[in-house]
Amino acid sequence: MSQIHPTALIDSAADIAQDVTIGPFCVVGPDVTIGSGTVVEPHVVIKGPTTIGRDNHIFSFASIGDEPQDKKYAGEPTSLEIGDRNTIRESCTINRGTTQDAGVTRIGSDNWIMAYVHVAHDCQVGNNVILANNATLAGHVHVGDWAIFGGFSGVHQFCRIGAHSFLSMYAAVAKDVPAYVMVTGSPAEPRGINIEGLKRRGFDKPQISNIRAAYKTLYRNQLRLEDALSELRERLPEQPELQLLVDSIERSERSIVR
C-alpha cells in the first residue's frame, strides 16, 4: 500500500502506484503519475501533466512539473516526463515544456541531480547524467548520456552537451560541447577529453587513445572544422568509438566550443 502522510495534499486525479511513499506536507496535483517504488520526501510540490517512473527518490522542497519560466507561455497543455531510478535532491526545480518546442521536458533514467539544480522548459536529458549543486540548464538544452556538470555550471538556451562530456565548476557554456570533451572557464573553453570518466565506463586504452587523437585533430591541428570532421569520418570504420564525437559535431546548430 502507498505510504502517504496524512498532511500531504494529493489530488484525486493523480495516479499514484500502490507502494509509493509521500512525506509530510507534499502537494501532488492532477494529471500526475508516480510509478512504483518512488519516494517523495516532505515538502515536495509536483504539478502536472507530469509522469514520474519507478524507484525515483525526490528530496525535500523540490518543485517538479511547474509552469515553464517563459514569457511566451500562455497556459498551453505541456508536460514533464521523468524516467526511473533518478535521485533529485533538495530544492531542485524542473519545469514543463512549451509549445515553441516539443511541448515536453524529459529526464531519462539513473540520473543524479544534486541540490538546487534547475532544469528549464523543453530540456532533454539522457541517462546516467550527473548535475552537481546549482548547475543550471536554460531552456531547450539537450544533454547526452553520462555527461557530468560541475557545481554552478550553466548552459545557454538551445545548446547541446555531448555524451561523456565534462563541464567544470562555474563553466559557462554558450556553444555546443562535443561528446567526450572537457570544458572549463567563462566562456567555456575545451581542455581535453574526459579520460577519467571514460576509464570508469569501461573504455579501454586503445579507445581512449583514439579519442585523444581525435581531440588533437579537432582542436590542435589548426584545421578548419569541416576538414577536421572529414578526417574523423575516415577513421570511423576502424574506430567506431568516434561515432559519438562525429554525430555530436554534425548535429550542432550553435557551433561547438573551440
C-alpha atoms as a PDB file:
ATOM      1  CA  MET A   1       0.000   0.000   0.000  1.00  0.00           C
ATOM      2  CA  SER A   2       1.049   3.597  -0.625  1.00  0.00           C
ATOM      3  CA  GLN A   3       2.576   5.295   2.393  1.00  0.00           C
ATOM      4  CA  ILE A   4       1.077   8.773   2.144  1.00  0.00           C
ATOM      5  CA  HIS A   5       1.413  11.045   5.153  1.00  0.00           C
ATOM      6  CA  PRO A   6      -1.933  12.438   6.312  1.00  0.00           C
ATOM      7  CA  THR A   7      -0.704  16.032   5.892  1.00  0.00           C
ATOM      8  CA  ALA A   8       0.113  15.513   2.200  1.00  0.00           C
ATOM      9  CA  LEU A   9      -2.380  17.004  -0.275  1.00  0.00           C
ATOM     10  CA  ILE A  10      -2.949  14.550  -3.120  1.00  0.00           C
ATOM     11  CA  ASP A  11      -5.395  15.446  -5.881  1.00  0.00           C
ATOM     12  CA  SER A  12      -7.949  12.743  -6.547  1.00  0.00           C
ATOM     13  CA  ALA A  13      -6.983  12.810 -10.242  1.00  0.00           C
ATOM     14  CA  ALA A  14      -3.352  11.869  -9.511  1.00  0.00           C
ATOM     15  CA  ASP A  15      -2.306   8.303 -10.368  1.00  0.00           C
ATOM     16  CA  ILE A  16      -0.083   7.004  -7.553  1.00  0.00           C
ATOM     17  CA  ALA A  17       1.302   3.464  -7.570  1.00  0.00           C
ATOM     18  CA  GLN A  18       0.449   1.338  -4.561  1.00  0.00           C
ATOM     19  CA  ASP A  19       3.932   1.311  -2.990  1.00  0.00           C
ATOM     20  CA  VAL A  20       4.854   4.986  -3.429  1.00  0.00           C
ATOM     21  CA  THR A  21       5.962   6.874  -0.295  1.00  0.00           C
ATOM     22  CA  ILE A  22       4.921  10.535   0.024  1.00  0.00           C
ATOM     23  CA  GLY A  23       6.094  12.503   3.045  1.00  0.00           C
ATOM     24  CA  PRO A  24       4.504  15.247   5.153  1.00  0.00           C
ATOM     25  CA  PHE A  25       3.223  18.483   3.587  1.00  0.00           C
ATOM     26  CA  CYS A  26       3.751  17.401  -0.025  1.00  0.00           C
ATOM     27  CA  VAL A  27       1.396  18.668  -2.730  1.00  0.00           C
ATOM     28  CA  VAL A  28       0.608  16.473  -5.736  1.00  0.00           C
ATOM     29  CA  GLY A  29      -1.714  17.933  -8.359  1.00  0.00           C
ATOM     30  CA  PRO A  30      -3.964  16.420 -11.009  1.00  0.00           C
ATOM     31  CA  ASP A  31      -2.500  14.778 -14.126  1.00  0.00           C
ATOM     32  CA  VAL A  32       0.458  13.478 -12.107  1.00  0.00           C
ATOM     33  CA  THR A  33       1.528   9.845 -12.426  1.00  0.00           C
ATOM     34  CA  ILE A  34       4.087   8.402  -9.987  1.00  0.00           C
ATOM     35  CA  GLY A  35       5.491   4.938 -10.580  1.00  0.00           C
ATOM     36  CA  SER A  36       6.156   2.057  -8.227  1.00  0.00           C
ATOM     37  CA  GLY A  37       8.835   2.373  -5.555  1.00  0.00           C
ATOM     38  CA  THR A  38       9.270   6.139  -5.831  1.00  0.00           C
ATOM     39  CA  VAL A  39       9.916   8.037  -2.593  1.00  0.00           C
ATOM     40  CA  VAL A  40       8.869  11.675  -2.231  1.00  0.00           C
ATOM     41  CA  GLU A  41      10.318  13.386   0.828  1.00  0.00           C
ATOM     42  CA  PRO A  42       8.483  16.118   2.829  1.00  0.00           C
ATOM     43  CA  HIS A  43       7.545  19.485   1.320  1.00  0.00           C
ATOM     44  CA  VAL A  44       7.816  18.480  -2.353  1.00  0.00           C
ATOM     45  CA  VAL A  45       5.414  20.051  -4.887  1.00  0.00           C
ATOM     46  CA  ILE A  46       4.578  18.070  -8.040  1.00  0.00           C
ATOM     47  CA  LYS A  47       2.290  19.576 -10.674  1.00  0.00           C
ATOM     48  CA  GLY A  48       1.045  18.062 -13.893  1.00  0.00           C
ATOM     49  CA  PRO A  49       0.875  16.959 -16.524  1.00  0.00           C
ATOM     50  CA  THR A  50       3.890  15.066 -15.144  1.00  0.00           C
ATOM     51  CA  THR A  51       4.839  11.412 -15.395  1.00  0.00           C
ATOM     52  CA  ILE A  52       7.424  10.037 -12.953  1.00  0.00           C
ATOM     53  CA  GLY A  53       8.694   6.479 -13.378  1.00  0.00           C
ATOM     54  CA  ARG A  54       9.773   3.782 -10.938  1.00  0.00           C
ATOM     55  CA  ASP A  55      12.151   3.899  -7.959  1.00  0.00           C
ATOM     56  CA  ASN A  56      12.914   7.609  -8.041  1.00  0.00           C
ATOM     57  CA  HIS A  57      13.902   9.488  -4.888  1.00  0.00           C
ATOM     58  CA  ILE A  58      12.812  13.131  -4.702  1.00  0.00           C
ATOM     59  CA  PHE A  59      14.105  15.128  -1.752  1.00  0.00           C
ATOM     60  CA  SER A  60      12.537  17.968   0.232  1.00  0.00           C
ATOM     61  CA  PHE A  61      11.476  21.296  -1.290  1.00  0.00           C
ATOM     62  CA  ALA A  62      11.874  20.188  -4.909  1.00  0.00           C
ATOM     63  CA  SER A  63       9.447  21.759  -7.396  1.00  0.00           C
ATOM     64  CA  ILE A  64       8.608  19.274 -10.138  1.00  0.00           C
ATOM     65  CA  GLY A  65       6.468  19.970 -13.199  1.00  0.00           C
ATOM     66  CA  ASP A  66       5.553  23.594 -12.616  1.00  0.00           C
ATOM     67  CA  GLU A  67       4.924  26.065 -15.444  1.00  0.00           C
ATOM     68  CA  PRO A  68       7.884  26.998 -17.661  1.00  0.00           C
ATOM     69  CA  GLN A  69       9.687  30.233 -16.902  1.00  0.00           C
ATOM     70  CA  ASP A  70       8.990  31.592 -20.365  1.00  0.00           C
ATOM     71  CA  LYS A  71       7.139  34.847 -21.045  1.00  0.00           C
ATOM     72  CA  LYS A  72       5.618  33.319 -24.172  1.00  0.00           C
ATOM     73  CA  TYR A  73       3.909  30.612 -22.142  1.00  0.00           C
ATOM     74  CA  ALA A  74       0.159  31.223 -22.049  1.00  0.00           C
ATOM     75  CA  GLY A  75      -1.144  28.203 -20.189  1.00  0.00           C
ATOM     76  CA  GLU A  76      -0.932  25.693 -23.035  1.00  0.00           C
ATOM     77  CA  PRO A  77      -1.031  21.996 -22.052  1.00  0.00           C
ATOM     78  CA  THR A  78       2.609  20.884 -21.867  1.00  0.00           C
ATOM     79  CA  SER A  79       4.255  18.147 -19.840  1.00  0.00           C
ATOM     80  CA  LEU A  80       7.228  16.711 -17.976  1.00  0.00           C
ATOM     81  CA  GLU A  81       8.456  13.111 -18.217  1.00  0.00           C
ATOM     82  CA  ILE A  82      10.919  11.601 -15.734  1.00  0.00           C
ATOM     83  CA  GLY A  83      12.274   8.063 -16.106  1.00  0.00           C
ATOM     84  CA  ASP A  84      13.362   5.530 -13.492  1.00  0.00           C
ATOM     85  CA  ARG A  85      15.849   5.430 -10.600  1.00  0.00           C
ATOM     86  CA  ASN A  86      16.660   9.126 -10.596  1.00  0.00           C
ATOM     87  CA  THR A  87      17.877  10.936  -7.499  1.00  0.00           C
ATOM     88  CA  ILE A  88      16.583  14.515  -7.319  1.00  0.00           C
ATOM     89  CA  ARG A  89      17.991  16.320  -4.306  1.00  0.00           C
ATOM     90  CA  GLU A  90      16.764  19.237  -2.217  1.00  0.00           C
ATOM     91  CA  SER A  91      15.251  22.367  -3.813  1.00  0.00           C
ATOM     92  CA  CYS A  92      15.640  21.291  -7.441  1.00  0.00           C
ATOM     93  CA  THR A  93      13.312  22.906  -9.986  1.00  0.00           C
ATOM     94  CA  ILE A  94      12.287  21.015 -13.119  1.00  0.00           C
ATOM     95  CA  ASN A  95       9.763  22.764 -15.400  1.00  0.00           C
ATOM     96  CA  ARG A  96       7.340  21.516 -18.049  1.00  0.00           C
ATOM     97  CA  GLY A  97       7.848  22.175 -21.772  1.00  0.00           C
ATOM     98  CA  THR A  98       6.491  24.851 -24.096  1.00  0.00           C
ATOM     99  CA  THR A  99       4.629  24.776 -27.395  1.00  0.00           C
ATOM    100  CA  GLN A 100       7.584  26.553 -29.017  1.00  0.00           C
ATOM    101  CA  ASP A 101       9.409  23.217 -28.825  1.00  0.00           C
ATOM    102  CA  ALA A 102       8.301  19.600 -28.397  1.00  0.00           C
ATOM    103  CA  GLY A 103       5.969  20.590 -25.574  1.00  0.00           C
ATOM    104  CA  VAL A 104       7.679  18.262 -23.124  1.00  0.00           C
ATOM    105  CA  THR A 105      10.697  18.345 -20.827  1.00  0.00           C
ATOM    106  CA  ARG A 106      12.314  14.908 -20.479  1.00  0.00           C
ATOM    107  CA  ILE A 107      14.636  13.451 -17.864  1.00  0.00           C
ATOM    108  CA  GLY A 108      15.911   9.933 -18.575  1.00  0.00           C
ATOM    109  CA  SER A 109      16.876   7.287 -16.035  1.00  0.00           C
ATOM    110  CA  ASP A 110      19.625   6.759 -13.446  1.00  0.00           C
ATOM    111  CA  ASN A 111      20.485  10.448 -13.214  1.00  0.00           C
ATOM    112  CA  TRP A 112      21.995  12.077 -10.117  1.00  0.00           C
ATOM    113  CA  ILE A 113      20.617  15.614  -9.780  1.00  0.00           C
ATOM    114  CA  MET A 114      22.061  17.412  -6.770  1.00  0.00           C
ATOM    115  CA  ALA A 115      20.636  20.236  -4.659  1.00  0.00           C
ATOM    116  CA  TYR A 116      19.395  23.487  -6.233  1.00  0.00           C
ATOM    117  CA  VAL A 117      19.770  22.283  -9.823  1.00  0.00           C
ATOM    118  CA  HIS A 118      17.445  23.930 -12.357  1.00  0.00           C
ATOM    119  CA  VAL A 119      16.283  22.111 -15.488  1.00  0.00           C
ATOM    120  CA  ALA A 120      14.302  24.537 -17.631  1.00  0.00           C
ATOM    121  CA  HIS A 121      11.498  24.002 -20.118  1.00  0.00           C
ATOM    122  CA  ASP A 122      11.974  21.671 -23.073  1.00  0.00           C
ATOM    123  CA  CYS A 123      15.317  20.272 -21.893  1.00  0.00           C
ATOM    124  CA  GLN A 124      16.052  16.716 -22.995  1.00  0.00           C
ATOM    125  CA  VAL A 125      18.363  14.998 -20.508  1.00  0.00           C
ATOM    126  CA  GLY A 126      19.656  11.483 -21.199  1.00  0.00           C
ATOM    127  CA  ASN A 127      20.657   8.727 -18.797  1.00  0.00           C
ATOM    128  CA  ASN A 128      23.362   8.480 -16.112  1.00  0.00           C
ATOM    129  CA  VAL A 129      23.909  12.239 -16.099  1.00  0.00           C
ATOM    130  CA  ILE A 130      25.351  13.985 -13.023  1.00  0.00           C
ATOM    131  CA  LEU A 131      24.408  17.597 -12.284  1.00  0.00           C
ATOM    132  CA  ALA A 132      26.258  18.909  -9.230  1.00  0.00           C
ATOM    133  CA  ASN A 133      24.833  21.538  -6.882  1.00  0.00           C
ATOM    134  CA  ASN A 134      23.418  24.678  -8.523  1.00  0.00           C
ATOM    135  CA  ALA A 135      24.064  23.550 -12.102  1.00  0.00           C
ATOM    136  CA  THR A 136      21.609  25.292 -14.418  1.00  0.00           C
ATOM    137  CA  LEU A 137      20.198  24.252 -17.777  1.00  0.00           C
ATOM    138  CA  ALA A 138      18.397  27.002 -19.690  1.00  0.00           C
ATOM    139  CA  GLY A 139      15.519  26.157 -21.994  1.00  0.00           C
ATOM    140  CA  HIS A 140      15.800  23.696 -24.892  1.00  0.00           C
ATOM    141  CA  VAL A 141      19.160  22.232 -23.800  1.00  0.00           C
ATOM    142  CA  HIS A 142      19.932  18.656 -24.917  1.00  0.00           C
ATOM    143  CA  VAL A 143      22.240  16.536 -22.729  1.00  0.00           C
ATOM    144  CA  GLY A 144      23.779  13.231 -23.816  1.00  0.00           C
ATOM    145  CA  ASP A 145      24.230  10.156 -21.629  1.00  0.00           C
ATOM    146  CA  TRP A 146      26.922  10.142 -18.927  1.00  0.00           C
ATOM    147  CA  ALA A 147      27.606  13.894 -19.112  1.00  0.00           C
ATOM    148  CA  ILE A 148      28.870  15.487 -15.877  1.00  0.00           C
ATOM    149  CA  PHE A 149      28.166  19.070 -14.783  1.00  0.00           C
ATOM    150  CA  GLY A 150      30.268  20.671 -12.057  1.00  0.00           C
ATOM    151  CA  GLY A 151      28.760  22.879  -9.383  1.00  0.00           C
ATOM    152  CA  PHE A 152      27.388  26.248 -10.557  1.00  0.00           C
ATOM    153  CA  SER A 153      27.973  25.393 -14.218  1.00  0.00           C
ATOM    154  CA  GLY A 154      25.468  26.928 -16.615  1.00  0.00           C
ATOM    155  CA  VAL A 155      24.321  26.189 -20.159  1.00  0.00           C
ATOM    156  CA  HIS A 156      22.761  28.687 -22.588  1.00  0.00           C
ATOM    157  CA  GLN A 157      19.468  28.022 -24.341  1.00  0.00           C
ATOM    158  CA  PHE A 158      19.461  25.565 -27.254  1.00  0.00           C
ATOM    159  CA  CYS A 159      22.955  24.221 -26.541  1.00  0.00           C
ATOM    160  CA  ARG A 160      23.784  20.528 -26.895  1.00  0.00           C
ATOM    161  CA  ILE A 161      26.042  18.790 -24.397  1.00  0.00           C
ATOM    162  CA  GLY A 162      27.571  15.614 -25.820  1.00  0.00           C
ATOM    163  CA  ALA A 163      27.705  12.197 -24.212  1.00  0.00           C
ATOM    164  CA  HIS A 164      30.556  11.557 -21.738  1.00  0.00           C
ATOM    165  CA  SER A 165      31.480  15.253 -21.677  1.00  0.00           C
ATOM    166  CA  PHE A 166      32.540  17.135 -18.547  1.00  0.00           C
ATOM    167  CA  LEU A 167      31.754  20.721 -17.522  1.00  0.00           C
ATOM    168  CA  SER A 168      33.927  22.036 -14.720  1.00  0.00           C
ATOM    169  CA  MET A 169      32.703  24.053 -11.757  1.00  0.00           C
ATOM    170  CA  TYR A 170      31.476  27.515 -12.854  1.00  0.00           C
ATOM    171  CA  ALA A 171      31.788  26.656 -16.559  1.00  0.00           C
ATOM    172  CA  ALA A 172      29.623  28.995 -18.662  1.00  0.00           C
ATOM    173  CA  VAL A 173      28.627  27.245 -21.876  1.00  0.00           C
ATOM    174  CA  ALA A 174      27.185  29.213 -24.796  1.00  0.00           C
ATOM    175  CA  LYS A 175      28.093  26.798 -27.608  1.00  0.00           C
ATOM    176  CA  ASP A 176      27.716  23.075 -28.086  1.00  0.00           C
ATOM    177  CA  VAL A 177      30.098  20.721 -26.269  1.00  0.00           C
ATOM    178  CA  PRO A 178      31.066  17.672 -28.365  1.00  0.00           C
ATOM    179  CA  ALA A 179      30.999  14.173 -26.914  1.00  0.00           C
ATOM    180  CA  TYR A 180      33.938  13.250 -24.649  1.00  0.00           C
ATOM    181  CA  VAL A 181      35.186  16.852 -24.372  1.00  0.00           C
ATOM    182  CA  MET A 182      36.020  18.562 -21.071  1.00  0.00           C
ATOM    183  CA  VAL A 183      35.441  22.325 -20.808  1.00  0.00           C
ATOM    184  CA  THR A 184      36.306  24.920 -18.183  1.00  0.00           C
ATOM    185  CA  GLY A 185      36.000  28.649 -17.705  1.00  0.00           C
ATOM    186  CA  SER A 186      33.695  31.525 -18.616  1.00  0.00           C
ATOM    187  CA  PRO A 187      33.203  31.445 -21.518  1.00  0.00           C
ATOM    188  CA  ALA A 188      33.872  27.722 -21.547  1.00  0.00           C
ATOM    189  CA  GLU A 189      36.910  26.509 -23.495  1.00  0.00           C
ATOM    190  CA  PRO A 190      38.000  22.949 -24.367  1.00  0.00           C
ATOM    191  CA  ARG A 191      40.668  21.469 -22.083  1.00  0.00           C
ATOM    192  CA  GLY A 192      40.972  17.874 -23.259  1.00  0.00           C
ATOM    193  CA  ILE A 193      38.836  14.769 -23.009  1.00  0.00           C
ATOM    194  CA  ASN A 194      37.112  13.252 -20.006  1.00  0.00           C
ATOM    195  CA  ILE A 195      39.687  10.485 -19.559  1.00  0.00           C
ATOM    196  CA  GLU A 196      38.799   9.537 -16.000  1.00  0.00           C
ATOM    197  CA  GLY A 197      35.123   9.251 -16.857  1.00  0.00           C
ATOM    198  CA  LEU A 198      35.887   7.065 -19.859  1.00  0.00           C
ATOM    199  CA  LYS A 199      38.024   4.732 -17.742  1.00  0.00           C
ATOM    200  CA  ARG A 200      35.219   4.359 -15.221  1.00  0.00           C
ATOM    201  CA  ARG A 201      32.795   3.419 -18.000  1.00  0.00           C
ATOM    202  CA  GLY A 202      34.971   0.662 -19.409  1.00  0.00           C
ATOM    203  CA  PHE A 203      36.657   2.332 -22.372  1.00  0.00           C
ATOM    204  CA  ASP A 204      39.951   0.524 -22.963  1.00  0.00           C
ATOM    205  CA  LYS A 205      43.345   2.120 -23.606  1.00  0.00           C
ATOM    206  CA  PRO A 206      43.196   1.910 -27.433  1.00  0.00           C
ATOM    207  CA  GLN A 207      39.742   3.515 -27.457  1.00  0.00           C
ATOM    208  CA  ILE A 208      40.854   6.332 -25.156  1.00  0.00           C
ATOM    209  CA  SER A 209      43.974   6.807 -27.267  1.00  0.00           C
ATOM    210  CA  ASN A 210      41.821   7.081 -30.385  1.00  0.00           C
ATOM    211  CA  ILE A 211      39.530   9.627 -28.754  1.00  0.00           C
ATOM    212  CA  ARG A 212      42.514  11.643 -27.565  1.00  0.00           C
ATOM    213  CA  ALA A 213      43.975  11.646 -31.100  1.00  0.00           C
ATOM    214  CA  ALA A 214      40.603  12.757 -32.458  1.00  0.00           C
ATOM    215  CA  TYR A 215      40.583  15.633 -29.963  1.00  0.00           C
ATOM    216  CA  LYS A 216      44.006  16.739 -31.226  1.00  0.00           C
ATOM    217  CA  THR A 217      42.740  16.626 -34.804  1.00  0.00           C
ATOM    218  CA  LEU A 218      39.749  18.724 -33.854  1.00  0.00           C
ATOM    219  CA  TYR A 219      41.444  21.259 -31.602  1.00  0.00           C
ATOM    220  CA  ARG A 220      45.218  21.300 -32.064  1.00  0.00           C
ATOM    221  CA  ASN A 221      46.000  20.686 -35.713  1.00  0.00           C
ATOM    222  CA  GLN A 222      44.749  24.113 -36.820  1.00  0.00           C
ATOM    223  CA  LEU A 223      42.295  22.561 -39.266  1.00  0.00           C
ATOM    224  CA  ARG A 224      39.042  24.073 -40.416  1.00  0.00           C
ATOM    225  CA  LEU A 225      36.166  22.367 -38.629  1.00  0.00           C
ATOM    226  CA  GLU A 226      34.896  20.720 -41.806  1.00  0.00           C
ATOM    227  CA  ASP A 227      38.372  19.421 -42.656  1.00  0.00           C
ATOM    228  CA  ALA A 228      38.831  18.016 -39.145  1.00  0.00           C
ATOM    229  CA  LEU A 229      35.409  16.405 -39.309  1.00  0.00           C
ATOM    230  CA  SER A 230      36.282  14.819 -42.662  1.00  0.00           C
ATOM    231  CA  GLU A 231      39.385  13.248 -41.135  1.00  0.00           C
ATOM    232  CA  LEU A 232      37.389  11.878 -38.220  1.00  0.00           C
ATOM    233  CA  ARG A 233      34.808  10.349 -40.543  1.00  0.00           C
ATOM    234  CA  GLU A 234      37.577   8.457 -42.346  1.00  0.00           C
ATOM    235  CA  ARG A 235      38.603   6.797 -39.067  1.00  0.00           C
ATOM    236  CA  LEU A 236      35.117   5.529 -38.179  1.00  0.00           C
ATOM    237  CA  PRO A 237      35.355   2.064 -39.784  1.00  0.00           C
ATOM    238  CA  GLU A 238      38.327   1.147 -37.566  1.00  0.00           C
ATOM    239  CA  GLN A 239      37.490   3.429 -34.618  1.00  0.00           C
ATOM    240  CA  PRO A 240      33.709   3.224 -34.055  1.00  0.00           C
ATOM    241  CA  GLU A 241      34.044   4.928 -30.664  1.00  0.00           C
ATOM    242  CA  LEU A 242      34.457   8.187 -32.628  1.00  0.00           C
ATOM    243  CA  GLN A 243      30.882   7.954 -33.921  1.00  0.00           C
ATOM    244  CA  LEU A 244      29.517   9.762 -30.844  1.00  0.00           C
ATOM    245  CA  LEU A 245      32.008  12.577 -31.379  1.00  0.00           C
ATOM    246  CA  VAL A 246      31.243  12.911 -35.076  1.00  0.00           C
ATOM    247  CA  ASP A 247      27.489  12.797 -34.502  1.00  0.00           C
ATOM    248  CA  SER A 248      27.636  15.468 -31.804  1.00  0.00           C
ATOM    249  CA  ILE A 249      29.514  17.819 -34.131  1.00  0.00           C
ATOM    250  CA  GLU A 250      27.254  17.144 -37.108  1.00  0.00           C
ATOM    251  CA  ARG A 251      24.137  17.873 -35.021  1.00  0.00           C
ATOM    252  CA  SER A 252      25.487  21.180 -33.760  1.00  0.00           C
ATOM    253  CA  GLU A 253      23.444  24.254 -34.654  1.00  0.00           C
ATOM    254  CA  ARG A 254      25.138  26.822 -32.410  1.00  0.00           C
ATOM    255  CA  SER A 255      28.695  25.754 -33.374  1.00  0.00           C
ATOM    256  CA  ILE A 256      30.964  23.966 -30.917  1.00  0.00           C
ATOM    257  CA  VAL A 257      33.274  25.296 -28.208  1.00  0.00           C
ATOM    258  CA  ARG A 258      36.607  25.639 -29.960  1.00  0.00           C
END
